[in-house]
Amino acid sequence: MVAGMWPFRKKTAPIEAKGLAEPTSELFEIFGVTTTASGYTVSAASALGVPAVSSALRVISEAVATLDVSVKRIEDGTEVALPDHPVLPFLRDEANDWTGGFCFIRDLVIDALSADRGGLAYVNRLGDGRIAELIRYRDSIVTVEFDQATGEPSYLVGNRRVASKDIIHLRSPFGKSPLTLAREAIGLAIVMEKHGANLFGSGARPSGVLSFPKGMGQDSVTKAREAWRLSHESGETGKTAILYDGATFTPLQLTSTDSQFLENRKFQILEIARAFRVPPSMLFDHDRATWSNTEQMGREFLSYTLEPWLRATESALRRALFTEEERKTHVIRFDRDDLTRADLSTRSTVINSLISSRTINPNEGRAWIGLPPREGGNEFINPNISATAESTQEEGNDDAA
């Protein structure tokens, strides 16, 4: 461990005893457990068992973490990149000795999407104020309390109070995570998933009724039921049923709800997609996706889903990673161009059009496709016009000679 750092990882936080005989709703929330009307408790761990939920969490968090991050200084209204700023290695390379920058940002966004307290990370600084590492502790280690009047947060790491400038805090709207707000929809999805597993685990056959024309005592009914189960419900389907004493077997028919089971499950995917504001096609529900609206839904995902999370993440990182003086002139930016890049043909057409209209210069266009600058490429000229004029002038000189 670097000298001057707080050696928290070698300490053990004191354990506070709490009564669990009659747990309150606050205690359930502490453990990330929420009871729904369906009777199932929805925690972050159980919600991840629903593929639509885990897919929504991944598509948002991984999209944010995939983008190139940079530090820029604002000069006369223009943002100038600072590739050598000391904050960048923690976001691009390694946040600490065991966590890469990609995983750190991804997990921070996942926490904000799945926990009401938001995504929290501790900025461990040296004695001179320089950043040594960024640590994302387990849920039970970092706690946050909000002032009832102003909403100002205060933080505890273990049993030690930490200044807010040393905590990266990424929060969801309304003070509630999308996972919490969608707990009823997620609980219903869990119920239907278990129902489907039980149905097909029993050979996808509904139960039925054995009828006997003669009255039977309880012992006879029990023996008849056990004999039927042993012969026809023992895991080997397809056996011939043999009935005695005029008994009849009437299978129960699937109800309308059972016959629309697949439609009900698909509707829950739509509900979860709405909660996370993710297009259904990004959760691999392509029933209503076409060639025309898929591209439009992708643009809506960038504008209405991803952009707010990018702004919130940039703000949270800027507040905790910069000094008070740097916050006046420095910003953290994610490169949105990585998500809006089209195919090479379309990009070439757009870049050529921007250069021709003198919106960008050739070197800026080359930088967009990862090429180094060339001599004379910083001039804002229209190559289509300039090249023609130069060639015409050269031809005239040749004729005169």
Protein backbone atom coordinates (compact mmCIF):
# COMPACT_ATOMS: atom_id res chain seq x y z
CA MET A 1 0.00 0.00 0.00
CA VAL A 2 1.25 3.47 -0.88
CA ALA A 3 2.48 5.52 2.07
CA GLY A 4 0.02 8.14 3.25
CA MET A 5 -3.05 6.20 2.18
CA TRP A 6 -5.81 5.28 4.58
CA PRO A 7 -5.31 1.53 5.25
CA PHE A 8 -9.01 0.80 5.47
CA ARG A 9 -8.89 -2.59 3.79
CA LYS A 10 -6.90 -4.02 6.69
CA LYS A 11 -9.48 -2.95 9.26
CA THR A 12 -12.67 -4.75 10.18
CA ALA A 13 -15.82 -2.67 10.47
CA PRO A 14 -17.67 -3.18 13.79
CA ILE A 15 -20.80 -5.30 13.57
CA GLU A 16 -23.98 -3.64 14.77
CA ALA A 17 -26.60 -6.06 16.14
CA LYS A 18 -30.14 -5.51 14.92
CA GLY A 19 -33.38 -7.26 15.88
CA LEU A 20 -34.76 -9.32 13.00
CA ALA A 21 -37.75 -10.87 14.78
CA GLU A 22 -40.06 -8.26 13.24
CA PRO A 23 -38.10 -6.71 10.37
CA THR A 24 -39.33 -3.33 9.14
CA SER A 25 -39.48 -2.16 5.55
CA GLU A 26 -36.30 -0.17 6.20
CA LEU A 27 -34.47 -3.35 7.18
CA PHE A 28 -35.71 -5.09 4.04
CA GLU A 29 -34.38 -2.19 1.97
CA ILE A 30 -31.01 -2.37 3.73
CA PHE A 31 -30.66 -5.97 2.56
CA GLY A 32 -31.98 -5.11 -0.92
CA VAL A 33 -35.14 -7.20 -0.46
CA THR A 34 -38.57 -5.91 -1.51
CA THR A 35 -41.79 -7.90 -1.20
CA THR A 36 -44.18 -7.62 -4.16
CA ALA A 37 -47.89 -8.30 -4.57
CA SER A 38 -46.99 -11.57 -6.29
CA GLY A 39 -45.56 -12.84 -3.01
CA TYR A 40 -41.96 -12.93 -4.20
CA THR A 41 -39.22 -10.78 -2.74
CA VAL A 42 -37.34 -8.89 -5.43
CA SER A 43 -33.70 -8.21 -4.61
CA ALA A 44 -30.92 -7.23 -6.98
CA ALA A 45 -29.72 -10.84 -7.02
CA SER A 46 -33.15 -12.37 -7.72
CA ALA A 47 -33.96 -9.72 -10.34
CA LEU A 48 -30.83 -10.65 -12.27
CA GLY A 49 -32.38 -14.09 -12.74
CA VAL A 50 -34.86 -12.45 -15.13
CA PRO A 51 -33.04 -12.26 -18.49
CA ALA A 52 -34.78 -9.02 -19.51
CA VAL A 53 -33.51 -7.28 -16.35
CA SER A 54 -29.93 -8.45 -16.66
CA SER A 55 -29.96 -7.56 -20.36
CA ALA A 56 -31.26 -4.04 -19.64
CA LEU A 57 -28.61 -3.48 -16.96
CA ARG A 58 -25.87 -4.66 -19.28
CA VAL A 59 -26.94 -2.74 -22.37
CA ILE A 60 -26.92 0.59 -20.48
CA SER A 61 -23.87 0.08 -18.25
CA GLU A 62 -21.67 -1.50 -20.90
CA ALA A 63 -22.62 1.15 -23.44
CA VAL A 64 -21.45 3.86 -21.02
CA ALA A 65 -18.24 2.03 -20.07
CA THR A 66 -17.37 1.25 -23.70
CA LEU A 67 -17.10 4.92 -24.68
CA ASP A 68 -13.71 6.59 -24.69
CA VAL A 69 -13.39 8.98 -21.74
CA SER A 70 -11.28 12.15 -21.78
CA VAL A 71 -10.44 15.14 -19.61
CA LYS A 72 -10.84 18.56 -21.20
CA ARG A 73 -10.12 22.15 -20.23
CA ILE A 74 -12.52 24.91 -21.24
CA GLU A 75 -10.71 27.77 -22.95
CA ASP A 76 -12.77 30.64 -24.40
CA GLY A 77 -15.79 28.40 -24.74
CA THR A 78 -13.82 25.64 -26.46
CA GLU A 79 -13.00 22.28 -24.87
CA VAL A 80 -9.33 21.33 -25.27
CA ALA A 81 -8.33 17.70 -24.59
CA LEU A 82 -5.75 17.04 -21.85
CA PRO A 83 -4.34 13.56 -22.65
CA ASP A 84 -1.78 13.73 -19.82
CA HIS A 85 -4.14 14.67 -16.99
CA PRO A 86 -3.44 12.47 -13.90
CA VAL A 87 -7.13 11.48 -13.55
CA LEU A 88 -7.30 9.72 -16.93
CA PRO A 89 -5.32 6.54 -16.06
CA PHE A 90 -7.85 5.68 -13.31
CA LEU A 91 -10.76 5.85 -15.79
CA ARG A 92 -9.06 4.36 -18.84
CA ASP A 93 -6.56 1.86 -17.44
CA GLU A 94 -6.82 0.79 -13.80
CA ALA A 95 -9.04 2.24 -11.09
CA ASN A 96 -7.06 0.23 -8.55
CA ASP A 97 -4.81 -2.82 -8.40
CA TRP A 98 -7.67 -5.27 -9.06
CA THR A 99 -10.21 -3.27 -11.13
CA GLY A 100 -9.83 -1.94 -14.66
CA GLY A 101 -11.30 1.37 -15.72
CA PHE A 102 -13.95 -0.28 -17.91
CA CYS A 103 -15.18 -2.55 -15.10
CA PHE A 104 -15.15 0.32 -12.61
CA ILE A 105 -17.42 2.56 -14.71
CA ARG A 106 -19.65 -0.36 -15.73
CA ASP A 107 -20.21 -1.52 -12.15
CA LEU A 108 -20.78 2.05 -10.94
CA VAL A 109 -23.63 2.46 -13.45
CA ILE A 110 -25.03 -0.99 -12.60
CA ASP A 111 -25.18 0.00 -8.92
CA ALA A 112 -27.08 3.18 -9.81
CA LEU A 113 -29.54 1.17 -11.92
CA SER A 114 -30.18 -1.49 -9.29
CA ALA A 115 -29.79 0.18 -5.86
CA ASP A 116 -31.70 3.14 -4.41
CA ARG A 117 -28.58 4.51 -2.74
CA GLY A 118 -26.94 4.78 -6.18
CA GLY A 119 -23.45 3.91 -7.34
CA LEU A 120 -20.81 4.74 -4.75
CA ALA A 121 -17.02 4.67 -4.93
CA TYR A 122 -14.34 5.98 -2.54
CA VAL A 123 -11.57 8.24 -3.86
CA ASN A 124 -8.48 7.24 -1.89
CA ARG A 125 -6.01 10.14 -1.83
CA LEU A 126 -2.40 10.52 -0.74
CA GLY A 127 -1.33 12.98 1.91
CA ASP A 128 -0.64 15.66 -0.72
CA GLY A 129 -4.15 15.31 -2.21
CA ARG A 130 -3.20 13.25 -5.26
CA ILE A 131 -5.50 10.35 -6.16
CA ALA A 132 -4.05 6.92 -5.35
CA GLU A 133 -6.98 4.66 -6.31
CA LEU A 134 -10.73 4.47 -6.80
CA ILE A 135 -12.43 1.78 -4.69
CA ARG A 136 -15.95 0.43 -5.12
CA TYR A 137 -16.69 -1.23 -1.79
CA ARG A 138 -19.41 -3.81 -1.11
CA ASP A 139 -22.90 -2.56 -0.36
CA SER A 140 -22.60 -3.06 3.39
CA ILE A 141 -19.37 -1.06 3.70
CA VAL A 142 -20.37 2.36 2.34
CA THR A 143 -23.55 3.93 3.73
CA VAL A 144 -25.18 7.22 2.81
CA GLU A 145 -27.59 9.35 4.83
CA PHE A 146 -29.61 12.29 3.49
CA ASP A 147 -30.57 15.44 5.31
CA GLN A 148 -34.36 15.48 5.63
CA ALA A 149 -34.57 19.20 4.87
CA THR A 150 -32.01 19.78 2.13
CA GLY A 151 -31.29 16.29 0.84
CA GLU A 152 -27.55 16.80 1.37
CA PRO A 153 -25.82 13.40 1.63
CA SER A 154 -23.26 12.36 4.23
CA TYR A 155 -21.14 9.26 3.87
CA LEU A 156 -19.69 6.58 6.13
CA VAL A 157 -17.06 4.11 4.97
CA GLY A 158 -17.16 1.45 7.65
CA ASN A 159 -17.41 3.50 10.83
CA ARG A 160 -15.49 6.50 9.50
CA ARG A 161 -17.18 9.63 8.18
CA VAL A 162 -15.86 10.68 4.78
CA ALA A 163 -16.09 14.07 3.06
CA SER A 164 -18.44 14.20 0.08
CA LYS A 165 -15.59 15.37 -2.16
CA ASP A 166 -13.98 11.95 -1.69
CA ILE A 167 -17.05 9.96 -2.79
CA ILE A 168 -18.21 9.36 -6.35
CA HIS A 169 -21.99 9.22 -6.11
CA LEU A 170 -24.10 8.37 -9.17
CA ARG A 171 -27.85 8.45 -8.47
CA SER A 172 -31.02 7.56 -10.36
CA PRO A 173 -33.97 9.93 -10.86
CA PHE A 174 -36.58 10.14 -8.07
CA GLY A 175 -34.06 8.75 -5.58
CA LYS A 176 -35.18 5.24 -6.61
CA SER A 177 -33.44 2.84 -8.94
CA PRO A 178 -35.27 1.56 -12.05
CA LEU A 179 -35.04 -1.93 -10.56
CA THR A 180 -36.95 -0.80 -7.45
CA LEU A 181 -39.57 1.08 -9.46
CA ALA A 182 -40.13 -2.00 -11.63
CA ARG A 183 -40.23 -4.51 -8.77
CA GLU A 184 -43.88 -5.48 -9.37
CA ALA A 185 -43.24 -6.13 -13.07
CA ILE A 186 -40.10 -8.08 -12.21
CA GLY A 187 -41.95 -10.06 -9.52
CA LEU A 188 -44.65 -11.02 -12.01
CA ALA A 189 -41.98 -12.09 -14.51
CA ILE A 190 -40.43 -14.30 -11.82
CA VAL A 191 -43.83 -15.86 -11.07
CA MET A 192 -44.47 -16.68 -14.73
CA GLU A 193 -40.98 -18.07 -15.15
CA LYS A 194 -41.49 -20.42 -12.19
CA HIS A 195 -44.94 -21.35 -13.46
CA GLY A 196 -43.48 -22.28 -16.84
CA ALA A 197 -40.71 -24.29 -15.22
CA ASN A 198 -43.21 -26.22 -13.09
CA LEU A 199 -45.55 -26.78 -16.04
CA PHE A 200 -42.94 -28.17 -18.38
CA GLY A 201 -41.15 -29.95 -15.54
CA SER A 202 -44.31 -32.04 -15.20
CA GLY A 203 -44.36 -33.00 -18.86
CA ALA A 204 -46.45 -29.96 -19.80
CA ARG A 205 -49.57 -31.90 -18.82
CA PRO A 206 -52.27 -30.35 -16.63
CA SER A 207 -53.70 -32.34 -13.75
CA GLY A 208 -56.99 -34.18 -14.09
CA VAL A 209 -59.83 -35.71 -12.12
CA LEU A 210 -60.35 -39.42 -11.31
CA SER A 211 -64.06 -40.19 -10.93
CA PHE A 212 -65.52 -43.33 -9.34
CA PRO A 213 -69.22 -44.13 -9.73
CA LYS A 214 -69.30 -45.88 -6.38
CA GLY A 215 -68.66 -44.18 -3.10
CA MET A 216 -65.17 -44.72 -1.68
CA GLY A 217 -63.71 -44.19 1.74
CA GLN A 218 -60.75 -41.99 2.47
CA ASP A 219 -58.34 -44.94 2.58
CA SER A 220 -59.50 -46.18 -0.83
CA VAL A 221 -59.19 -42.71 -2.36
CA THR A 222 -55.66 -42.35 -1.01
CA LYS A 223 -54.59 -45.75 -2.34
CA ALA A 224 -56.15 -45.08 -5.76
CA ARG A 225 -54.42 -41.69 -6.01
CA GLU A 226 -51.03 -43.12 -5.04
CA ALA A 227 -51.41 -46.00 -7.50
CA TRP A 228 -52.25 -43.54 -10.30
CA ARG A 229 -49.25 -41.35 -9.50
CA LEU A 230 -46.95 -44.35 -9.33
CA SER A 231 -48.10 -45.58 -12.74
CA HIS A 232 -48.56 -42.34 -14.66
CA GLU A 233 -46.74 -39.50 -12.85
CA SER A 234 -43.44 -41.16 -12.05
CA GLY A 235 -41.53 -39.38 -14.81
CA GLU A 236 -42.24 -41.97 -17.52
CA THR A 237 -44.95 -40.59 -19.78
CA GLY A 238 -46.86 -42.42 -22.48
CA LYS A 239 -48.02 -45.40 -20.41
CA THR A 240 -51.46 -46.90 -21.04
CA ALA A 241 -53.93 -46.02 -18.29
CA ILE A 242 -55.95 -48.94 -16.87
CA LEU A 243 -58.99 -47.98 -14.77
CA TYR A 244 -61.02 -50.27 -12.50
CA ASP A 245 -64.55 -50.34 -11.13
CA GLY A 246 -65.92 -47.96 -13.78
CA ALA A 247 -63.51 -45.15 -12.90
CA THR A 248 -62.99 -42.35 -15.41
CA PHE A 249 -60.19 -39.81 -15.83
CA THR A 250 -61.01 -36.30 -17.02
CA PRO A 251 -57.99 -34.13 -17.81
CA LEU A 252 -58.34 -30.45 -16.95
CA GLN A 253 -58.13 -28.20 -19.98
CA LEU A 254 -55.73 -25.27 -20.26
CA THR A 255 -57.42 -22.00 -19.41
CA SER A 256 -57.33 -18.95 -21.67
CA THR A 257 -54.62 -17.45 -19.49
CA ASP A 258 -52.52 -20.60 -19.84
CA SER A 259 -52.95 -20.60 -23.62
CA GLN A 260 -51.73 -16.98 -23.74
CA PHE A 261 -48.82 -17.68 -21.46
CA LEU A 262 -46.24 -16.76 -24.09
CA GLU A 263 -47.97 -13.44 -24.81
CA ASN A 264 -48.06 -12.65 -21.09
CA ARG A 265 -44.33 -13.31 -20.76
CA LYS A 266 -43.58 -11.08 -23.76
CA PHE A 267 -45.65 -8.30 -22.23
CA GLN A 268 -43.48 -8.44 -19.10
CA ILE A 269 -40.42 -7.87 -21.31
CA LEU A 270 -42.10 -4.70 -22.57
CA GLU A 271 -42.86 -3.59 -19.00
CA ILE A 272 -39.25 -4.09 -17.94
CA ALA A 273 -38.04 -2.30 -21.08
CA ARG A 274 -40.28 0.65 -20.19
CA ALA A 275 -38.92 0.79 -16.66
CA PHE A 276 -35.31 0.99 -17.86
CA ARG A 277 -36.27 3.09 -20.95
CA VAL A 278 -34.63 0.58 -23.27
CA PRO A 279 -36.07 -0.25 -26.72
CA PRO A 280 -37.48 -3.81 -26.69
CA SER A 281 -35.30 -4.71 -29.68
CA MET A 282 -32.23 -4.17 -27.47
CA LEU A 283 -33.64 -6.82 -25.12
CA PHE A 284 -33.90 -9.13 -28.17
CA ASP A 285 -37.66 -8.75 -28.51
CA HIS A 286 -37.94 -8.20 -32.27
CA ASP A 287 -41.69 -8.79 -32.69
CA ARG A 288 -42.35 -5.16 -33.61
CA ALA A 289 -38.92 -4.34 -35.02
CA THR A 290 -38.56 -3.47 -38.70
CA TRP A 291 -35.72 -2.22 -40.87
CA SER A 292 -37.05 1.31 -40.60
CA ASN A 293 -37.96 1.63 -36.92
CA THR A 294 -34.95 -0.26 -35.50
CA GLU A 295 -32.60 2.53 -36.52
CA GLN A 296 -35.00 5.10 -35.06
CA MET A 297 -35.19 3.17 -31.77
CA GLY A 298 -31.39 3.12 -31.69
CA ARG A 299 -31.30 6.91 -31.97
CA GLU A 300 -33.92 7.21 -29.24
CA PHE A 301 -31.83 4.96 -27.02
CA LEU A 302 -28.85 7.29 -27.47
CA SER A 303 -30.87 10.46 -26.89
CA TYR A 304 -33.37 9.51 -24.19
CA THR A 305 -31.76 6.57 -22.36
CA LEU A 306 -27.99 6.79 -22.63
CA GLU A 307 -27.43 10.55 -22.78
CA PRO A 308 -28.95 11.27 -19.32
CA TRP A 309 -26.77 8.54 -17.79
CA LEU A 310 -23.69 9.89 -19.57
CA ARG A 311 -24.36 13.40 -18.27
CA ALA A 312 -24.95 12.12 -14.73
CA THR A 313 -21.78 9.97 -14.81
CA GLU A 314 -19.67 12.84 -16.15
CA SER A 315 -20.98 15.11 -13.41
CA ALA A 316 -20.42 12.57 -10.61
CA LEU A 317 -16.84 11.88 -11.74
CA ARG A 318 -16.05 15.58 -12.19
CA ARG A 319 -17.29 16.48 -8.71
CA ALA A 320 -15.15 13.89 -6.93
CA LEU A 321 -12.02 13.64 -9.07
CA PHE A 322 -11.18 17.31 -9.59
CA THR A 323 -10.04 19.87 -7.05
CA GLU A 324 -12.21 22.88 -6.33
CA GLU A 325 -10.10 25.02 -8.66
CA GLU A 326 -10.11 22.42 -11.46
CA ARG A 327 -13.90 22.13 -11.36
CA LYS A 328 -14.11 25.72 -12.61
CA THR A 329 -12.29 24.96 -15.86
CA HIS A 330 -12.12 21.16 -16.30
CA VAL A 331 -14.72 18.64 -17.46
CA ILE A 332 -14.89 14.88 -18.07
CA ARG A 333 -16.38 13.81 -21.38
CA PHE A 334 -17.44 10.49 -22.91
CA ASP A 335 -17.00 10.35 -26.69
CA ARG A 336 -20.50 9.91 -28.11
CA ASP A 337 -19.11 9.44 -31.63
CA ASP A 338 -18.23 5.84 -30.76
CA LEU A 339 -21.96 5.03 -30.63
CA THR A 340 -23.07 7.05 -33.64
CA ARG A 341 -20.57 5.74 -36.14
CA ALA A 342 -22.22 4.44 -39.29
CA ASP A 343 -20.74 2.16 -41.93
CA LEU A 344 -17.55 3.29 -43.71
CA SER A 345 -19.36 4.41 -46.87
CA THR A 346 -21.82 6.62 -44.97
CA ARG A 347 -19.09 8.04 -42.75
CA SER A 348 -16.92 8.88 -45.76
CA THR A 349 -19.79 10.72 -47.40
CA VAL A 350 -20.59 12.71 -44.26
CA ILE A 351 -16.94 13.61 -43.56
CA ASN A 352 -16.39 14.70 -47.18
CA SER A 353 -19.53 16.85 -47.01
CA LEU A 354 -18.40 18.52 -43.77
CA ILE A 355 -14.94 19.23 -45.20
CA SER A 356 -16.42 20.61 -48.43
CA SER A 357 -18.71 22.94 -46.46
CA ARG A 358 -15.68 24.03 -44.39
CA THR A 359 -17.35 22.89 -41.17
CA ILE A 360 -14.28 20.80 -40.27
CA ASN A 361 -10.79 20.67 -41.74
CA PRO A 362 -9.26 17.54 -43.34
CA ASN A 363 -7.17 16.68 -40.27
CA GLU A 364 -10.27 16.71 -38.05
CA GLY A 365 -11.94 14.37 -40.54
CA ARG A 366 -8.89 12.09 -40.51
CA ALA A 367 -8.96 12.00 -36.70
CA TRP A 368 -12.56 10.71 -36.82
CA ILE A 369 -11.42 7.58 -38.64
CA GLY A 370 -8.24 7.14 -36.59
CA LEU A 371 -5.73 8.50 -39.11
CA PRO A 372 -2.82 10.81 -38.20
CA PRO A 373 -2.82 14.47 -39.38
CA ARG A 374 -1.09 15.42 -42.63
CA GLU A 375 0.75 18.56 -43.64
CA GLY A 376 -1.56 21.35 -44.69
CA GLY A 377 -4.61 19.52 -43.35
CA ASN A 378 -5.54 22.20 -40.84
CA GLU A 379 -6.74 24.62 -43.52
CA PHE A 380 -10.48 25.07 -43.98
CA ILE A 381 -10.78 24.73 -47.74
CA ASN A 382 -13.13 23.03 -50.17
CA PRO A 383 -10.97 20.42 -51.92
CA ASN A 384 -13.51 19.98 -54.70
CA ILE A 385 -13.24 23.64 -55.71
CA SER A 386 -9.58 24.26 -54.81
CA ALA A 387 -8.28 21.24 -56.68
CA THR A 388 -10.16 22.26 -59.85
CA ALA A 389 -8.90 25.83 -59.64
CA GLU A 390 -5.31 24.72 -59.17
CA SER A 391 -5.44 22.25 -62.05
CA THR A 392 -7.00 24.86 -64.36
CA GLN A 393 -4.31 27.35 -63.47
CA GLU A 394 -1.56 24.79 -64.11
CA GLU A 395 -3.08 23.91 -67.53
CA GLY A 396 -3.12 27.61 -68.44
CA ASN A 397 0.50 28.01 -67.54
CA ASP A 398 1.42 25.00 -69.68
CA ASP A 399 -0.44 26.43 -72.69
CA ALA A 400 1.27 29.80 -72.31
CA ALA A 401 4.65 28.13 -72.25
